[in-house]
């Protein structure tokens, strides 16, 4: 019986030690600071001594403290991991996008245009702003391309490796045989982060390619899809 009680006592102490190792003591101070560590000495109503790491130990008088609590180490790790994930998946700086695709009239999907364009932009976390230029042309026929030059704005929704995004291109369409016109292209897609500075996306879009033959204004509206490489 004594052996059983001894085993239960040792087991309880072990569990308690393991449970305590998963928590940090948190001291909330009246000056607005928060200190996390392990309380190594405490005298009620007088002082608290807290160890931050192997070398640093701080002592606070009771009148400096608002509250003492415990915080799960796992919770802190998740919080730090989330911050790191946000920074990793929303990097700032230059972003280049090369897109290839196909656009066609909604009622005649077989008679469409091939799409190729390049966008150079600057990322500000979720939002990016850039300038793009491209070409739209019919395969197999005489080469009479549409050449859109445009401003591009786009945003990703969530800080994950796979994220939906929306984009809007607005600018001017040049045409070799006619005067140009408005270019407008909203799109919706999904981006995939494949490396630190490399990814790809798939997108569906609507494109308005305006041009002006003699004595008339025409705005051709297309729907399409594209595959983009993010550099």
Protein backbone atom coordinates (compact mmCIF):
# COMPACT_ATOMS: atom_id res chain seq x y z
CA UNK A 1 0.00 0.00 0.00
CA UNK A 2 2.83 2.38 0.87
CA UNK A 3 4.48 1.64 -2.47
CA UNK A 4 1.24 2.44 -4.32
CA UNK A 5 0.85 5.74 -2.46
CA UNK A 6 4.48 6.60 -3.17
CA UNK A 7 4.03 5.90 -6.88
CA UNK A 8 0.87 8.02 -6.98
CA UNK A 9 2.68 10.87 -5.22
CA UNK A 10 5.65 10.74 -7.60
CA UNK A 11 3.30 10.56 -10.59
CA UNK A 12 1.34 13.56 -9.37
CA UNK A 13 4.52 15.57 -8.85
CA UNK A 14 5.79 14.63 -12.31
CA UNK A 15 2.53 15.64 -13.97
CA UNK A 16 2.50 18.90 -12.03
CA UNK A 17 6.10 19.65 -13.07
CA UNK A 18 5.36 18.93 -16.71
CA UNK A 19 2.21 21.04 -16.61
CA UNK A 20 4.09 23.95 -15.05
CA UNK A 21 6.81 23.72 -17.73
CA UNK A 22 4.15 24.46 -20.35
CA UNK A 23 3.33 27.83 -18.77
CA UNK A 24 5.04 31.16 -18.22
CA UNK A 25 4.40 33.50 -15.33
CA UNK A 26 3.19 36.89 -16.58
CA UNK A 27 3.58 40.03 -14.47
CA UNK A 28 1.48 43.03 -15.55
CA UNK A 29 3.01 46.29 -14.32
CA UNK A 30 1.36 49.65 -13.61
CA UNK A 31 3.71 51.40 -16.05
CA UNK A 32 2.15 49.43 -18.92
CA UNK A 33 4.91 46.86 -19.37
CA UNK A 34 4.41 43.10 -19.30
CA UNK A 35 7.14 40.73 -18.10
CA UNK A 36 7.16 37.02 -18.90
CA UNK A 37 9.33 34.42 -17.22
CA UNK A 38 9.42 32.11 -14.19
CA UNK A 39 8.70 33.38 -10.68
CA UNK A 40 11.50 32.04 -8.48
CA UNK A 41 10.71 33.91 -5.27
CA UNK A 42 7.63 35.69 -3.98
CA UNK A 43 6.60 37.20 -0.65
CA UNK A 44 2.93 38.11 -0.36
CA UNK A 45 2.35 41.84 -0.18
CA UNK A 46 6.05 42.70 -0.59
CA UNK A 47 7.87 41.61 -3.78
CA UNK A 48 8.12 39.20 -6.70
CA UNK A 49 11.35 37.94 -8.23
CA UNK A 50 11.01 36.64 -11.82
CA UNK A 51 13.64 34.93 -13.93
CA UNK A 52 13.58 35.87 -17.64
CA UNK A 53 16.34 33.53 -18.79
CA UNK A 54 19.52 31.94 -17.43
CA UNK A 55 21.19 35.29 -16.69
CA UNK A 56 18.45 37.87 -16.15
CA UNK A 57 16.38 38.10 -12.97
CA UNK A 58 14.11 41.06 -12.15
CA UNK A 59 12.59 42.09 -8.83
CA UNK A 60 9.38 44.10 -8.56
CA UNK A 61 7.79 45.58 -5.45
CA UNK A 62 4.17 44.70 -4.88
CA UNK A 63 3.04 48.32 -5.42
CA UNK A 64 4.44 48.18 -8.99
CA UNK A 65 2.27 45.20 -9.97
CA UNK A 66 -1.30 45.14 -11.25
CA UNK A 67 -1.73 41.41 -11.72
CA UNK A 68 0.16 38.12 -11.96
CA UNK A 69 -1.10 35.44 -14.32
CA UNK A 70 0.03 32.38 -16.28
CA UNK A 71 0.28 32.06 -20.05
CA UNK A 72 0.54 28.91 -22.12
CA UNK A 73 3.85 28.55 -23.95
CA UNK A 74 1.98 26.94 -26.84
CA UNK A 75 -0.24 30.03 -27.15
CA UNK A 76 2.81 32.28 -27.29
CA UNK A 77 4.45 30.05 -29.90
CA UNK A 78 1.30 30.16 -32.05
CA UNK A 79 1.19 33.94 -31.80
CA UNK A 80 4.86 34.31 -32.79
CA UNK A 81 4.39 31.76 -35.58
CA UNK A 82 1.42 33.75 -36.92
CA UNK A 83 3.47 36.95 -37.04
CA UNK A 84 6.30 35.16 -38.82
CA UNK A 85 3.85 33.60 -41.29
CA UNK A 86 2.33 37.00 -42.08
CA UNK A 87 5.75 38.49 -42.75
CA UNK A 88 6.84 35.49 -44.83
CA UNK A 89 3.71 35.24 -46.97
CA UNK A 90 3.24 39.01 -47.37
CA UNK A 91 6.81 40.11 -48.20
CA UNK A 92 7.37 43.74 -49.22
CA UNK A 93 9.37 44.91 -52.21
CA UNK A 94 9.48 44.24 -55.94
CA UNK A 95 7.09 41.76 -57.53
CA UNK A 96 7.16 40.71 -61.17
CA UNK A 97 4.28 38.83 -62.80
CA UNK A 98 4.38 37.12 -66.20
CA UNK A 99 0.94 36.03 -67.45
CA UNK A 100 -0.14 33.85 -70.34
CA UNK A 101 -3.77 33.12 -71.16
CA UNK A 102 -6.71 33.17 -73.51
CA UNK A 103 -9.63 35.60 -73.90
CA UNK A 104 -12.75 35.25 -76.05
CA UNK A 105 -16.23 36.64 -76.60
CA UNK A 106 -18.74 35.05 -74.18
CA UNK A 107 -20.91 33.79 -77.08
CA UNK A 108 -17.99 32.55 -79.22
CA UNK A 109 -15.32 30.93 -77.08
CA UNK A 110 -13.60 29.26 -80.06
CA UNK A 111 -12.70 32.55 -81.75
CA UNK A 112 -10.48 34.24 -79.17
CA UNK A 113 -7.17 35.93 -78.56
CA UNK A 114 -3.97 34.67 -77.01
CA UNK A 115 -2.77 36.75 -74.07
CA UNK A 116 0.75 37.57 -72.92
CA UNK A 117 1.71 40.34 -70.49
CA UNK A 118 4.24 41.47 -67.90
CA UNK A 119 3.49 43.44 -64.71
CA UNK A 120 6.15 45.17 -62.60
CA UNK A 121 4.90 46.18 -59.17
CA UNK A 122 5.78 47.04 -55.58
CA UNK A 123 4.24 45.06 -52.72
CA UNK A 124 2.98 46.74 -49.56
CA UNK A 125 2.06 43.64 -47.52
CA UNK A 126 -1.30 42.49 -48.95
CA UNK A 127 -1.57 45.28 -51.54
CA UNK A 128 0.59 45.71 -54.64
CA UNK A 129 0.69 48.55 -57.16
CA UNK A 130 2.34 48.29 -60.55
CA UNK A 131 2.54 49.05 -64.27
CA UNK A 132 1.87 46.44 -66.91
CA UNK A 133 1.98 45.99 -70.67
CA UNK A 134 0.85 43.13 -72.85
CA UNK A 135 -0.34 41.88 -76.17
CA UNK A 136 -3.52 40.16 -77.42
CA UNK A 137 -3.54 38.54 -80.85
CA UNK A 138 -5.31 35.93 -82.96
CA UNK A 139 -3.34 32.76 -83.57
CA UNK A 140 -2.94 31.81 -87.22
CA UNK A 141 -4.34 35.03 -88.74
CA UNK A 142 -2.62 38.24 -89.83
CA UNK A 143 -0.81 39.77 -86.89
CA UNK A 144 -2.92 42.73 -85.73
CA UNK A 145 -2.43 42.83 -81.98
CA UNK A 146 -4.12 44.77 -79.24
CA UNK A 147 -1.46 46.27 -76.97
CA UNK A 148 -2.78 47.29 -73.52
CA UNK A 149 -0.66 49.47 -71.23
CA UNK A 150 -2.14 49.82 -67.76
CA UNK A 151 -1.88 50.43 -64.04
CA UNK A 152 -2.37 47.30 -61.93
CA UNK A 153 -3.64 47.08 -58.36
CA UNK A 154 -4.17 43.76 -56.58
CA UNK A 155 -4.59 42.34 -53.09
CA UNK A 156 -4.43 38.93 -51.44
CA UNK A 157 -6.99 38.12 -48.76
CA UNK A 158 -5.20 35.85 -46.29
CA UNK A 159 -1.54 35.40 -45.19
CA UNK A 160 -1.27 31.80 -46.33
CA UNK A 161 0.61 29.91 -49.00
CA UNK A 162 -2.68 29.52 -50.89
CA UNK A 163 -4.81 32.67 -50.99
CA UNK A 164 -7.59 34.15 -53.12
CA UNK A 165 -6.88 37.53 -54.67
CA UNK A 166 -8.55 40.25 -56.73
CA UNK A 167 -6.91 42.55 -59.26
CA UNK A 168 -7.84 45.50 -61.45
CA UNK A 169 -6.02 46.76 -64.52
CA UNK A 170 -6.93 50.14 -66.01
CA UNK A 171 -5.23 51.91 -68.89
CA UNK A 172 -5.15 52.37 -72.67
CA UNK A 173 -5.33 49.93 -75.58
CA UNK A 174 -3.11 50.58 -78.60
CA UNK A 175 -3.97 49.09 -82.01
CA UNK A 176 -1.73 49.17 -85.13
CA UNK A 177 -4.59 49.94 -87.56
CA UNK A 178 -6.90 52.14 -85.48
CA UNK A 179 -6.89 54.71 -82.74
CA UNK A 180 -6.77 53.16 -79.30
CA UNK A 181 -9.28 53.23 -76.47
CA UNK A 182 -9.99 52.29 -72.88
CA UNK A 183 -8.51 49.15 -71.35
CA UNK A 184 -10.22 47.74 -68.23
CA UNK A 185 -9.72 44.31 -66.69
CA UNK A 186 -11.04 43.12 -63.30
CA UNK A 187 -9.99 39.61 -62.30
CA UNK A 188 -10.42 37.08 -59.52
CA UNK A 189 -8.10 34.19 -58.79
CA UNK A 190 -6.05 32.02 -56.45
CA UNK A 191 -2.33 32.47 -55.80
CA UNK A 192 0.08 29.75 -54.69
CA UNK A 193 3.31 30.57 -52.85
CA UNK A 194 5.87 27.97 -53.99
CA UNK A 195 9.03 29.47 -52.50
CA UNK A 196 10.43 32.49 -50.68
CA UNK A 197 10.18 34.72 -53.76
CA UNK A 198 8.39 32.54 -56.27
CA UNK A 199 4.78 31.59 -56.85
CA UNK A 200 2.02 31.23 -59.41
CA UNK A 201 -1.64 32.08 -59.82
CA UNK A 202 -4.72 31.09 -61.75
CA UNK A 203 -7.26 33.78 -62.59
CA UNK A 204 -10.55 34.42 -64.37
CA UNK A 205 -10.98 37.88 -65.86
CA UNK A 206 -13.10 40.22 -67.92
CA UNK A 207 -11.28 42.43 -70.44
CA UNK A 208 -12.51 45.54 -72.19
CA UNK A 209 -10.33 46.36 -75.21
CA UNK A 210 -11.38 49.66 -76.73
CA UNK A 211 -10.39 50.95 -80.19
CA UNK A 212 -11.75 53.44 -82.71
CA UNK A 213 -12.07 52.57 -86.40
CA UNK A 214 -13.03 55.47 -88.64
CA UNK A 215 -16.30 57.19 -87.60
CA UNK A 216 -17.04 54.81 -84.71
CA UNK A 217 -15.97 53.72 -81.23
CA UNK A 218 -15.81 50.02 -80.42
CA UNK A 219 -15.32 48.34 -77.06
CA UNK A 220 -14.78 44.60 -77.33
CA UNK A 221 -15.57 42.76 -74.09
CA UNK A 222 -13.88 39.41 -73.48
CA UNK A 223 -13.84 36.82 -70.74
CA UNK A 224 -10.75 34.75 -70.17
CA UNK A 225 -8.39 32.85 -67.95
CA UNK A 226 -4.70 33.20 -67.27
CA UNK A 227 -1.76 31.49 -65.63
CA UNK A 228 0.72 33.76 -63.92
CA UNK A 229 4.26 33.26 -62.68
CA UNK A 230 5.12 35.46 -59.67
CA UNK A 231 8.78 36.42 -59.36
